[in-house]
Amino acid sequence: MAAPTKIWQRRVLELFETGLPQRVFTRQQLSGVRTTYEERLEMPRSLTTPKFVHFLEQAGQLQEEQISQDGLNPSDDAHAYRPYTRYVWGDASPLEVALSLRARSYLSHASAVFLHGLTMQLPKTVYVNQEQSPKPPPSGGLTQQSIDRAFHNAPRFTNYVFTYRGTRLVLLNGKNSGDLEVSDMVDAKGHALRTTKLERTLIDITVRPAYAGGIFDVSEAFRSAAERVSVPTLVATLAKLDFVYPYHQALGFYLERAGIPRARLKRLAALGIEHNFYLGNQMPNPQYDAEWRIYYPEGLWDGVRA
């Protein structure tokens, strides 16, 4: 298609370049854009949605993308998920694409670690969470035997994983929290990305270290966050999340080893240290911290107690 010569064509391209808050669309959303701006931009009434999409693909930077499940054996129909079709404008990032796949989702774990500047590693995997519906709390009390049994087993991983232009998109279904401590962050190019705030991110990667590169990477994230983290906000957020396991012990361990004086961690210690706990599952030759009653991997950076 030749360069746009009609006024409406130039206006539409300008709208997609600078006038819309998103750069990844479903076909239904593109139809909505056409309907919303049809009169304002003086589009011809004969411009149907298929023609509108075709124009954006030929004269603009719109590309149709099929986002398929990652690593699926074609014969394994039992775990096959239908691919997503998205229309991507320009250089929209895999983070934006991942957020477009499910309603009210937000970036979490390693992706949030990256957005908060806690790592210099460019993400090759994007983690995006959509919360489950509220569920009743589990029944029964916590025992040392139940903790030991759970953390001696392998960690669970989702198989709800897709690929977009070489980047893995991991779609998580996390515990319902009412989107606690979730807000928009602006990336380096000025685009808003819905993600967990700093303290919520630190809690999430403590609970699921495998979604943040593992325990060693989690430890590095805590060290990078030490000067910015608010312990009162961390404690308040943890209380609202209401986990069964004593993750406050792991948080206290990480924070103290990151250089935060124990005097600032009194609120975490005050939650009680009644059981031995673990930083992760199936750790080989774990070491033991007697004050936080935490098992941690051999060779983990220990830091200096304040």
C-alpha atoms as a PDB file:
ATOM      1  CA  MET A   1       0.000   0.000   0.000  1.00  0.00           C
ATOM      2  CA  ALA A   2       1.239   3.487  -0.866  1.00  0.00           C
ATOM      3  CA  ALA A   3       2.006   6.059   1.793  1.00  0.00           C
ATOM      4  CA  PRO A   4      -1.180   7.473   3.350  1.00  0.00           C
ATOM      5  CA  THR A   5      -2.469  10.473   1.412  1.00  0.00           C
ATOM      6  CA  LYS A   6      -5.913  10.921   2.919  1.00  0.00           C
ATOM      7  CA  ILE A   7      -6.433  12.973   6.047  1.00  0.00           C
ATOM      8  CA  TRP A   8      -8.183  10.160   7.920  1.00  0.00           C
ATOM      9  CA  GLN A   9      -5.326   7.779   7.149  1.00  0.00           C
ATOM     10  CA  ARG A  10      -2.725  10.145   8.564  1.00  0.00           C
ATOM     11  CA  ARG A  11      -4.892  10.773  11.626  1.00  0.00           C
ATOM     12  CA  VAL A  12      -5.363   7.059  12.303  1.00  0.00           C
ATOM     13  CA  LEU A  13      -1.633   6.374  12.117  1.00  0.00           C
ATOM     14  CA  GLU A  14      -0.933   9.326  14.416  1.00  0.00           C
ATOM     15  CA  LEU A  15      -3.513   7.967  16.859  1.00  0.00           C
ATOM     16  CA  PHE A  16      -1.748   4.603  17.035  1.00  0.00           C
ATOM     17  CA  GLU A  17       1.675   6.242  17.286  1.00  0.00           C
ATOM     18  CA  THR A  18       0.964   8.655  20.114  1.00  0.00           C
ATOM     19  CA  GLY A  19      -2.692   8.744  21.123  1.00  0.00           C
ATOM     20  CA  LEU A  20      -3.467   5.322  22.586  1.00  0.00           C
ATOM     21  CA  PRO A  21      -2.370   3.972  25.982  1.00  0.00           C
ATOM     22  CA  GLN A  22      -1.858   0.436  24.675  1.00  0.00           C
ATOM     23  CA  ARG A  23       0.109  -1.161  21.856  1.00  0.00           C
ATOM     24  CA  VAL A  24      -1.214  -4.728  21.971  1.00  0.00           C
ATOM     25  CA  PHE A  25      -4.800  -5.445  20.930  1.00  0.00           C
ATOM     26  CA  THR A  26      -7.351  -8.156  20.368  1.00  0.00           C
ATOM     27  CA  ARG A  27      -9.353  -7.937  17.173  1.00  0.00           C
ATOM     28  CA  GLN A  28     -12.363  -6.886  19.254  1.00  0.00           C
ATOM     29  CA  GLN A  29     -10.339  -4.049  20.777  1.00  0.00           C
ATOM     30  CA  LEU A  30      -9.294  -2.847  17.331  1.00  0.00           C
ATOM     31  CA  SER A  31     -12.935  -2.857  16.309  1.00  0.00           C
ATOM     32  CA  GLY A  32     -13.665  -0.769  19.394  1.00  0.00           C
ATOM     33  CA  VAL A  33     -10.965   1.745  18.442  1.00  0.00           C
ATOM     34  CA  ARG A  34     -12.461   2.074  14.965  1.00  0.00           C
ATOM     35  CA  THR A  35     -15.948   2.639  16.369  1.00  0.00           C
ATOM     36  CA  THR A  36     -14.791   5.128  19.010  1.00  0.00           C
ATOM     37  CA  TYR A  37     -12.742   7.300  16.648  1.00  0.00           C
ATOM     38  CA  GLU A  38     -14.729   6.837  13.432  1.00  0.00           C
ATOM     39  CA  GLU A  39     -16.434  10.238  13.450  1.00  0.00           C
ATOM     40  CA  ARG A  40     -13.656  12.165  15.194  1.00  0.00           C
ATOM     41  CA  LEU A  41     -11.061  11.104  12.608  1.00  0.00           C
ATOM     42  CA  GLU A  42     -13.560  11.228   9.715  1.00  0.00           C
ATOM     43  CA  MET A  43     -13.067   7.627   8.667  1.00  0.00           C
ATOM     44  CA  PRO A  44     -15.225   6.490   5.741  1.00  0.00           C
ATOM     45  CA  ARG A  45     -18.353   4.569   6.724  1.00  0.00           C
ATOM     46  CA  SER A  46     -17.318   1.804   4.336  1.00  0.00           C
ATOM     47  CA  LEU A  47     -14.240   1.115   6.471  1.00  0.00           C
ATOM     48  CA  THR A  48     -15.121  -2.219   8.089  1.00  0.00           C
ATOM     49  CA  THR A  49     -13.012  -3.738  10.848  1.00  0.00           C
ATOM     50  CA  PRO A  50     -11.209  -6.137   8.430  1.00  0.00           C
ATOM     51  CA  LYS A  51     -10.362  -3.190   6.157  1.00  0.00           C
ATOM     52  CA  PHE A  52      -9.270  -1.120   9.161  1.00  0.00           C
ATOM     53  CA  VAL A  53      -6.938  -3.892  10.358  1.00  0.00           C
ATOM     54  CA  HIS A  54      -5.599  -4.421   6.833  1.00  0.00           C
ATOM     55  CA  PHE A  55      -4.809  -0.702   6.523  1.00  0.00           C
ATOM     56  CA  LEU A  56      -2.942  -0.675   9.845  1.00  0.00           C
ATOM     57  CA  GLU A  57      -0.915  -3.730   8.793  1.00  0.00           C
ATOM     58  CA  GLN A  58      -0.037  -2.336   5.361  1.00  0.00           C
ATOM     59  CA  ALA A  59       0.488   1.366   6.110  1.00  0.00           C
ATOM     60  CA  GLY A  60       1.350   1.214   9.807  1.00  0.00           C
ATOM     61  CA  GLN A  61       3.252  -0.986  12.240  1.00  0.00           C
ATOM     62  CA  LEU A  62       0.552  -3.484  13.172  1.00  0.00           C
ATOM     63  CA  GLN A  63       1.440  -7.174  13.098  1.00  0.00           C
ATOM     64  CA  GLU A  64      -0.765 -10.158  13.814  1.00  0.00           C
ATOM     65  CA  GLU A  65       0.902 -12.608  16.208  1.00  0.00           C
ATOM     66  CA  GLN A  66      -0.003 -16.162  17.149  1.00  0.00           C
ATOM     67  CA  ILE A  67       1.203 -16.782  20.708  1.00  0.00           C
ATOM     68  CA  SER A  68       1.382 -20.532  21.174  1.00  0.00           C
ATOM     69  CA  GLN A  69       2.109 -22.818  24.095  1.00  0.00           C
ATOM     70  CA  ASP A  70       5.793 -23.347  24.789  1.00  0.00           C
ATOM     71  CA  GLY A  71       7.379 -26.785  24.472  1.00  0.00           C
ATOM     72  CA  LEU A  72       4.164 -28.682  23.815  1.00  0.00           C
ATOM     73  CA  ASN A  73       4.400 -32.147  22.342  1.00  0.00           C
ATOM     74  CA  PRO A  74       1.805 -32.076  19.516  1.00  0.00           C
ATOM     75  CA  SER A  75       0.511 -35.485  20.620  1.00  0.00           C
ATOM     76  CA  ASP A  76      -0.065 -34.305  24.195  1.00  0.00           C
ATOM     77  CA  ASP A  77      -3.597 -32.995  23.705  1.00  0.00           C
ATOM     78  CA  ALA A  78      -4.427 -33.369  27.402  1.00  0.00           C
ATOM     79  CA  HIS A  79      -2.273 -30.336  28.278  1.00  0.00           C
ATOM     80  CA  ALA A  80      -2.754 -28.306  25.106  1.00  0.00           C
ATOM     81  CA  TYR A  81      -3.936 -24.711  25.428  1.00  0.00           C
ATOM     82  CA  ARG A  82      -5.425 -22.719  22.617  1.00  0.00           C
ATOM     83  CA  PRO A  83      -3.020 -20.106  21.199  1.00  0.00           C
ATOM     84  CA  TYR A  84      -3.703 -16.419  21.669  1.00  0.00           C
ATOM     85  CA  THR A  85      -4.041 -14.069  18.700  1.00  0.00           C
ATOM     86  CA  ARG A  86      -2.846 -10.529  19.331  1.00  0.00           C
ATOM     87  CA  TYR A  87      -2.214  -7.509  17.142  1.00  0.00           C
ATOM     88  CA  VAL A  88       1.046  -5.831  18.141  1.00  0.00           C
ATOM     89  CA  TRP A  89       1.900  -2.258  17.224  1.00  0.00           C
ATOM     90  CA  GLY A  90       5.533  -1.351  16.650  1.00  0.00           C
ATOM     91  CA  ASP A  91       8.101  -2.409  19.201  1.00  0.00           C
ATOM     92  CA  ALA A  92       5.689  -3.357  21.978  1.00  0.00           C
ATOM     93  CA  SER A  93       7.622  -5.407  24.533  1.00  0.00           C
ATOM     94  CA  PRO A  94       6.968  -8.997  25.603  1.00  0.00           C
ATOM     95  CA  LEU A  95       5.891  -7.500  28.963  1.00  0.00           C
ATOM     96  CA  GLU A  96       3.063  -5.638  27.229  1.00  0.00           C
ATOM     97  CA  VAL A  97       2.105  -8.723  25.244  1.00  0.00           C
ATOM     98  CA  ALA A  98       2.013 -10.877  28.382  1.00  0.00           C
ATOM     99  CA  LEU A  99      -0.255  -8.369  30.146  1.00  0.00           C
ATOM    100  CA  SER A 100      -2.668  -8.428  27.202  1.00  0.00           C
ATOM    101  CA  LEU A 101      -3.349 -12.158  27.379  1.00  0.00           C
ATOM    102  CA  ARG A 102      -5.701 -12.169  30.377  1.00  0.00           C
ATOM    103  CA  ALA A 103      -7.858  -9.512  32.003  1.00  0.00           C
ATOM    104  CA  ARG A 104      -6.692  -7.838  35.241  1.00  0.00           C
ATOM    105  CA  SER A 105      -3.309  -9.516  35.171  1.00  0.00           C
ATOM    106  CA  TYR A 106      -0.099  -7.976  36.435  1.00  0.00           C
ATOM    107  CA  LEU A 107       3.634  -8.586  36.163  1.00  0.00           C
ATOM    108  CA  SER A 108       5.183 -10.390  39.111  1.00  0.00           C
ATOM    109  CA  HIS A 109       8.195 -12.322  40.416  1.00  0.00           C
ATOM    110  CA  ALA A 110      11.289 -12.022  38.166  1.00  0.00           C
ATOM    111  CA  SER A 111       9.541  -9.522  35.875  1.00  0.00           C
ATOM    112  CA  ALA A 112       8.738  -7.238  38.805  1.00  0.00           C
ATOM    113  CA  VAL A 113      12.300  -7.687  40.114  1.00  0.00           C
ATOM    114  CA  PHE A 114      13.570  -6.388  36.764  1.00  0.00           C
ATOM    115  CA  LEU A 115      11.162  -3.444  36.641  1.00  0.00           C
ATOM    116  CA  HIS A 116      12.174  -2.386  40.152  1.00  0.00           C
ATOM    117  CA  GLY A 117      15.818  -2.356  39.091  1.00  0.00           C
ATOM    118  CA  LEU A 118      16.848  -5.160  41.446  1.00  0.00           C
ATOM    119  CA  THR A 119      18.694  -7.072  38.726  1.00  0.00           C
ATOM    120  CA  MET A 120      20.639  -6.174  35.603  1.00  0.00           C
ATOM    121  CA  GLN A 121      19.679  -9.402  33.852  1.00  0.00           C
ATOM    122  CA  LEU A 122      17.472  -8.862  30.821  1.00  0.00           C
ATOM    123  CA  PRO A 123      14.397 -11.067  31.250  1.00  0.00           C
ATOM    124  CA  LYS A 124      14.117 -14.030  28.902  1.00  0.00           C
ATOM    125  CA  THR A 125      11.000 -15.171  30.736  1.00  0.00           C
ATOM    126  CA  VAL A 126       8.036 -12.967  31.653  1.00  0.00           C
ATOM    127  CA  TYR A 127       5.870 -13.793  34.682  1.00  0.00           C
ATOM    128  CA  VAL A 128       2.341 -12.452  34.683  1.00  0.00           C
ATOM    129  CA  ASN A 129      -0.229 -13.246  37.358  1.00  0.00           C
ATOM    130  CA  GLN A 130      -4.004 -13.383  37.256  1.00  0.00           C
ATOM    131  CA  GLU A 131      -5.482 -13.984  40.681  1.00  0.00           C
ATOM    132  CA  GLN A 132      -7.811 -16.861  41.476  1.00  0.00           C
ATOM    133  CA  SER A 133     -11.273 -16.316  42.876  1.00  0.00           C
ATOM    134  CA  PRO A 134     -11.452 -16.148  46.700  1.00  0.00           C
ATOM    135  CA  LYS A 135     -11.261 -19.513  48.431  1.00  0.00           C
ATOM    136  CA  PRO A 136     -11.828 -20.533  52.059  1.00  0.00           C
ATOM    137  CA  PRO A 137      -8.671 -20.819  54.177  1.00  0.00           C
ATOM    138  CA  PRO A 138      -7.212 -24.318  54.565  1.00  0.00           C
ATOM    139  CA  SER A 139      -8.274 -26.241  57.613  1.00  0.00           C
ATOM    140  CA  GLY A 140      -5.909 -27.810  60.138  1.00  0.00           C
ATOM    141  CA  GLY A 141      -2.932 -26.427  62.003  1.00  0.00           C
ATOM    142  CA  LEU A 142       0.672 -26.142  60.937  1.00  0.00           C
ATOM    143  CA  THR A 143       3.124 -28.772  62.206  1.00  0.00           C
ATOM    144  CA  GLN A 144       6.845 -29.259  61.777  1.00  0.00           C
ATOM    145  CA  GLN A 145       6.151 -32.576  60.115  1.00  0.00           C
ATOM    146  CA  SER A 146       3.879 -30.980  57.495  1.00  0.00           C
ATOM    147  CA  ILE A 147       6.456 -28.253  56.775  1.00  0.00           C
ATOM    148  CA  ASP A 148       9.280 -30.777  56.400  1.00  0.00           C
ATOM    149  CA  ARG A 149       7.217 -32.972  54.127  1.00  0.00           C
ATOM    150  CA  ALA A 150       6.163 -30.076  51.867  1.00  0.00           C
ATOM    151  CA  PHE A 151       9.664 -28.654  51.401  1.00  0.00           C
ATOM    152  CA  HIS A 152      11.331 -32.012  50.879  1.00  0.00           C
ATOM    153  CA  ASN A 153       9.145 -32.404  47.786  1.00  0.00           C
ATOM    154  CA  ALA A 154       9.934 -30.794  44.439  1.00  0.00           C
ATOM    155  CA  PRO A 155       8.483 -27.318  43.858  1.00  0.00           C
ATOM    156  CA  ARG A 156       5.434 -27.019  41.672  1.00  0.00           C
ATOM    157  CA  PHE A 157       5.654 -25.323  38.278  1.00  0.00           C
ATOM    158  CA  THR A 158       2.885 -24.196  35.991  1.00  0.00           C
ATOM    159  CA  ASN A 159       2.720 -25.599  32.466  1.00  0.00           C
ATOM    160  CA  TYR A 160       0.665 -22.591  31.342  1.00  0.00           C
ATOM    161  CA  VAL A 161       3.610 -21.205  29.374  1.00  0.00           C
ATOM    162  CA  PHE A 162       3.602 -19.542  25.959  1.00  0.00           C
ATOM    163  CA  THR A 163       6.226 -18.133  23.595  1.00  0.00           C
ATOM    164  CA  TYR A 164       6.370 -14.727  21.954  1.00  0.00           C
ATOM    165  CA  ARG A 165       9.291 -13.933  19.640  1.00  0.00           C
ATOM    166  CA  GLY A 166      11.676 -16.101  21.631  1.00  0.00           C
ATOM    167  CA  THR A 167      10.499 -14.952  25.067  1.00  0.00           C
ATOM    168  CA  ARG A 168       8.680 -17.352  27.379  1.00  0.00           C
ATOM    169  CA  LEU A 169       5.458 -15.989  28.889  1.00  0.00           C
ATOM    170  CA  VAL A 170       4.559 -17.769  32.140  1.00  0.00           C
ATOM    171  CA  LEU A 171       0.922 -17.288  33.102  1.00  0.00           C
ATOM    172  CA  LEU A 172       0.386 -17.733  36.830  1.00  0.00           C
ATOM    173  CA  ASN A 173      -2.838 -18.117  38.805  1.00  0.00           C
ATOM    174  CA  GLY A 174      -1.906 -16.764  42.205  1.00  0.00           C
ATOM    175  CA  LYS A 175      -3.755 -16.586  45.470  1.00  0.00           C
ATOM    176  CA  ASN A 176      -6.544 -14.013  45.601  1.00  0.00           C
ATOM    177  CA  SER A 177      -5.406 -10.800  47.271  1.00  0.00           C
ATOM    178  CA  GLY A 178      -7.656  -8.201  45.683  1.00  0.00           C
ATOM    179  CA  ASP A 179      -4.613  -7.058  43.656  1.00  0.00           C
ATOM    180  CA  LEU A 180      -2.865  -6.063  46.866  1.00  0.00           C
ATOM    181  CA  GLU A 181       0.104  -3.717  46.355  1.00  0.00           C
ATOM    182  CA  VAL A 182      -0.295  -3.680  42.578  1.00  0.00           C
ATOM    183  CA  SER A 183       0.043  -0.495  40.560  1.00  0.00           C
ATOM    184  CA  ASP A 184       1.244   0.923  37.252  1.00  0.00           C
ATOM    185  CA  MET A 185       4.962   1.394  36.675  1.00  0.00           C
ATOM    186  CA  VAL A 186       6.336   3.339  33.733  1.00  0.00           C
ATOM    187  CA  ASP A 187       9.025   1.559  31.736  1.00  0.00           C
ATOM    188  CA  ALA A 188      12.061   3.166  30.106  1.00  0.00           C
ATOM    189  CA  LYS A 189      10.003   4.074  27.020  1.00  0.00           C
ATOM    190  CA  GLY A 190       7.212   5.695  29.013  1.00  0.00           C
ATOM    191  CA  HIS A 191       4.646   2.898  28.803  1.00  0.00           C
ATOM    192  CA  ALA A 192       2.616   1.941  31.882  1.00  0.00           C
ATOM    193  CA  LEU A 193       2.979  -1.658  33.032  1.00  0.00           C
ATOM    194  CA  ARG A 194       0.810  -3.111  35.791  1.00  0.00           C
ATOM    195  CA  THR A 195       3.078  -4.785  38.338  1.00  0.00           C
ATOM    196  CA  THR A 196       3.591  -5.563  41.998  1.00  0.00           C
ATOM    197  CA  LYS A 197       5.129  -2.887  44.214  1.00  0.00           C
ATOM    198  CA  LEU A 198       8.522  -3.426  45.811  1.00  0.00           C
ATOM    199  CA  GLU A 199       7.486  -5.035  49.108  1.00  0.00           C
ATOM    200  CA  ARG A 200       4.902  -7.297  47.468  1.00  0.00           C
ATOM    201  CA  THR A 201       7.552  -8.350  44.934  1.00  0.00           C
ATOM    202  CA  LEU A 202       9.969  -9.351  47.692  1.00  0.00           C
ATOM    203  CA  ILE A 203       7.251 -11.419  49.355  1.00  0.00           C
ATOM    204  CA  ASP A 204       6.277 -13.121  46.095  1.00  0.00           C
ATOM    205  CA  ILE A 205       9.820 -14.175  45.230  1.00  0.00           C
ATOM    206  CA  THR A 206      10.323 -15.464  48.775  1.00  0.00           C
ATOM    207  CA  VAL A 207       7.214 -17.623  48.428  1.00  0.00           C
ATOM    208  CA  ARG A 208       8.087 -18.828  44.904  1.00  0.00           C
ATOM    209  CA  PRO A 209      11.864 -18.455  44.410  1.00  0.00           C
ATOM    210  CA  ALA A 210      11.759 -20.675  41.319  1.00  0.00           C
ATOM    211  CA  TYR A 211       9.855 -17.899  39.518  1.00  0.00           C
ATOM    212  CA  ALA A 212      12.682 -15.477  40.269  1.00  0.00           C
ATOM    213  CA  GLY A 213      15.662 -17.514  39.121  1.00  0.00           C
ATOM    214  CA  GLY A 214      16.152 -19.417  42.384  1.00  0.00           C
ATOM    215  CA  ILE A 215      17.239 -18.678  45.940  1.00  0.00           C
ATOM    216  CA  PHE A 216      20.589 -17.120  45.002  1.00  0.00           C
ATOM    217  CA  ASP A 217      18.893 -14.622  42.690  1.00  0.00           C
ATOM    218  CA  VAL A 218      16.294 -13.881  45.359  1.00  0.00           C
ATOM    219  CA  SER A 219      19.089 -13.138  47.821  1.00  0.00           C
ATOM    220  CA  GLU A 220      20.668 -10.715  45.351  1.00  0.00           C
ATOM    221  CA  ALA A 221      17.314  -8.970  44.852  1.00  0.00           C
ATOM    222  CA  PHE A 222      17.004  -8.421  48.602  1.00  0.00           C
ATOM    223  CA  ARG A 223      20.503  -7.009  48.753  1.00  0.00           C
ATOM    224  CA  SER A 224      19.655  -4.579  45.923  1.00  0.00           C
ATOM    225  CA  ALA A 225      16.406  -3.570  47.650  1.00  0.00           C
ATOM    226  CA  ALA A 226      17.864  -3.106  51.153  1.00  0.00           C
ATOM    227  CA  GLU A 227      18.051   0.689  51.027  1.00  0.00           C
ATOM    228  CA  ARG A 228      14.535   1.090  49.618  1.00  0.00           C
ATOM    229  CA  VAL A 229      12.401  -1.503  51.359  1.00  0.00           C
ATOM    230  CA  SER A 230       9.909  -0.433  54.019  1.00  0.00           C
ATOM    231  CA  VAL A 231       9.740  -3.101  56.717  1.00  0.00           C
ATOM    232  CA  PRO A 232       6.377  -1.812  58.081  1.00  0.00           C
ATOM    233  CA  THR A 233       4.879  -2.007  54.573  1.00  0.00           C
ATOM    234  CA  LEU A 234       6.361  -5.472  54.126  1.00  0.00           C
ATOM    235  CA  VAL A 235       4.854  -6.697  57.409  1.00  0.00           C
ATOM    236  CA  ALA A 236       1.451  -5.134  56.666  1.00  0.00           C
ATOM    237  CA  THR A 237       1.369  -6.657  53.183  1.00  0.00           C
ATOM    238  CA  LEU A 238       2.386 -10.074  54.503  1.00  0.00           C
ATOM    239  CA  ALA A 239      -0.367  -9.940  57.131  1.00  0.00           C
ATOM    240  CA  LYS A 240      -3.006  -9.217  54.485  1.00  0.00           C
ATOM    241  CA  LEU A 241      -1.772 -12.068  52.287  1.00  0.00           C
ATOM    242  CA  ASP A 242      -2.324 -14.379  55.259  1.00  0.00           C
ATOM    243  CA  PHE A 243      -0.115 -17.323  54.317  1.00  0.00           C
ATOM    244  CA  VAL A 244      -0.182 -20.567  56.270  1.00  0.00           C
ATOM    245  CA  TYR A 245       3.588 -21.003  56.205  1.00  0.00           C
ATOM    246  CA  PRO A 246       5.856 -18.713  58.295  1.00  0.00           C
ATOM    247  CA  TYR A 247       7.349 -16.781  55.404  1.00  0.00           C
ATOM    248  CA  HIS A 248       8.195 -13.964  57.820  1.00  0.00           C
ATOM    249  CA  GLN A 249      11.144 -16.070  58.971  1.00  0.00           C
ATOM    250  CA  ALA A 250      12.501 -16.289  55.429  1.00  0.00           C
ATOM    251  CA  LEU A 251      11.931 -12.565  54.902  1.00  0.00           C
ATOM    252  CA  GLY A 252      13.748 -11.731  58.127  1.00  0.00           C
ATOM    253  CA  PHE A 253      16.660 -13.942  57.133  1.00  0.00           C
ATOM    254  CA  TYR A 254      16.970 -12.394  53.661  1.00  0.00           C
ATOM    255  CA  LEU A 255      16.695  -8.834  54.980  1.00  0.00           C
ATOM    256  CA  GLU A 256      19.209  -9.300  57.771  1.00  0.00           C
ATOM    257  CA  ARG A 257      21.683 -10.957  55.436  1.00  0.00           C
ATOM    258  CA  ALA A 258      21.161  -8.043  53.036  1.00  0.00           C
ATOM    259  CA  GLY A 259      22.453  -5.700  55.720  1.00  0.00           C
ATOM    260  CA  ILE A 260      19.335  -4.457  57.501  1.00  0.00           C
ATOM    261  CA  PRO A 261      19.971  -4.271  61.271  1.00  0.00           C
ATOM    262  CA  ARG A 262      18.024  -6.760  63.341  1.00  0.00           C
ATOM    263  CA  ALA A 263      16.573  -3.871  65.363  1.00  0.00           C
ATOM    264  CA  ARG A 264      14.607  -2.837  62.258  1.00  0.00           C
ATOM    265  CA  LEU A 265      13.280  -6.389  61.871  1.00  0.00           C
ATOM    266  CA  LYS A 266      11.567  -6.642  65.251  1.00  0.00           C
ATOM    267  CA  ARG A 267       8.122  -6.586  63.668  1.00  0.00           C
ATOM    268  CA  LEU A 268       8.967  -9.707  61.676  1.00  0.00           C
ATOM    269  CA  ALA A 269      10.480 -11.508  64.670  1.00  0.00           C
ATOM    270  CA  ALA A 270       7.439 -10.555  66.752  1.00  0.00           C
ATOM    271  CA  LEU A 271       5.236 -12.645  64.460  1.00  0.00           C
ATOM    272  CA  GLY A 272       6.711 -15.663  66.205  1.00  0.00           C
ATOM    273  CA  ILE A 273       9.425 -18.182  65.372  1.00  0.00           C
ATOM    274  CA  GLU A 274       7.888 -21.499  66.324  1.00  0.00           C
ATOM    275  CA  HIS A 275       9.030 -23.857  63.562  1.00  0.00           C
ATOM    276  CA  ASN A 276      12.030 -24.606  61.445  1.00  0.00           C
ATOM    277  CA  PHE A 277      11.463 -23.305  57.922  1.00  0.00           C
ATOM    278  CA  TYR A 278      13.075 -23.423  54.474  1.00  0.00           C
ATOM    279  CA  LEU A 279      14.048 -20.926  51.794  1.00  0.00           C
ATOM    280  CA  GLY A 280      13.144 -23.447  49.118  1.00  0.00           C
ATOM    281  CA  ASN A 281      12.358 -27.014  48.185  1.00  0.00           C
ATOM    282  CA  GLN A 282      14.821 -29.891  47.951  1.00  0.00           C
ATOM    283  CA  MET A 283      17.935 -27.913  48.850  1.00  0.00           C
ATOM    284  CA  PRO A 284      21.100 -30.063  48.724  1.00  0.00           C
ATOM    285  CA  ASN A 285      23.159 -30.036  51.932  1.00  0.00           C
ATOM    286  CA  PRO A 286      21.189 -27.187  53.569  1.00  0.00           C
ATOM    287  CA  GLN A 287      22.753 -24.981  56.237  1.00  0.00           C
ATOM    288  CA  TYR A 288      20.854 -23.735  59.292  1.00  0.00           C
ATOM    289  CA  ASP A 289      20.375 -20.250  60.749  1.00  0.00           C
ATOM    290  CA  ALA A 290      19.405 -20.697  64.393  1.00  0.00           C
ATOM    291  CA  GLU A 291      18.028 -17.186  64.982  1.00  0.00           C
ATOM    292  CA  TRP A 292      15.462 -17.234  62.163  1.00  0.00           C
ATOM    293  CA  ARG A 293      15.279 -21.047  62.255  1.00  0.00           C
ATOM    294  CA  ILE A 294      15.829 -21.164  58.515  1.00  0.00           C
ATOM    295  CA  TYR A 295      17.442 -23.794  56.309  1.00  0.00           C
ATOM    296  CA  TYR A 296      19.284 -22.220  53.365  1.00  0.00           C
ATOM    297  CA  PRO A 297      21.466 -23.572  50.544  1.00  0.00           C
ATOM    298  CA  GLU A 298      25.143 -24.185  51.094  1.00  0.00           C
ATOM    299  CA  GLY A 299      27.213 -21.372  49.598  1.00  0.00           C
ATOM    300  CA  LEU A 300      24.496 -18.732  49.828  1.00  0.00           C
ATOM    301  CA  TRP A 301      25.964 -15.295  50.448  1.00  0.00           C
ATOM    302  CA  ASP A 302      25.849 -14.895  54.215  1.00  0.00           C
ATOM    303  CA  GLY A 303      26.564 -11.224  54.738  1.00  0.00           C
ATOM    304  CA  VAL A 304      27.423  -9.917  58.178  1.00  0.00           C
ATOM    305  CA  ARG A 305      25.005  -9.812  61.082  1.00  0.00           C
ATOM    306  CA  ALA A 306      24.361  -6.268  62.317  1.00  0.00           C
END
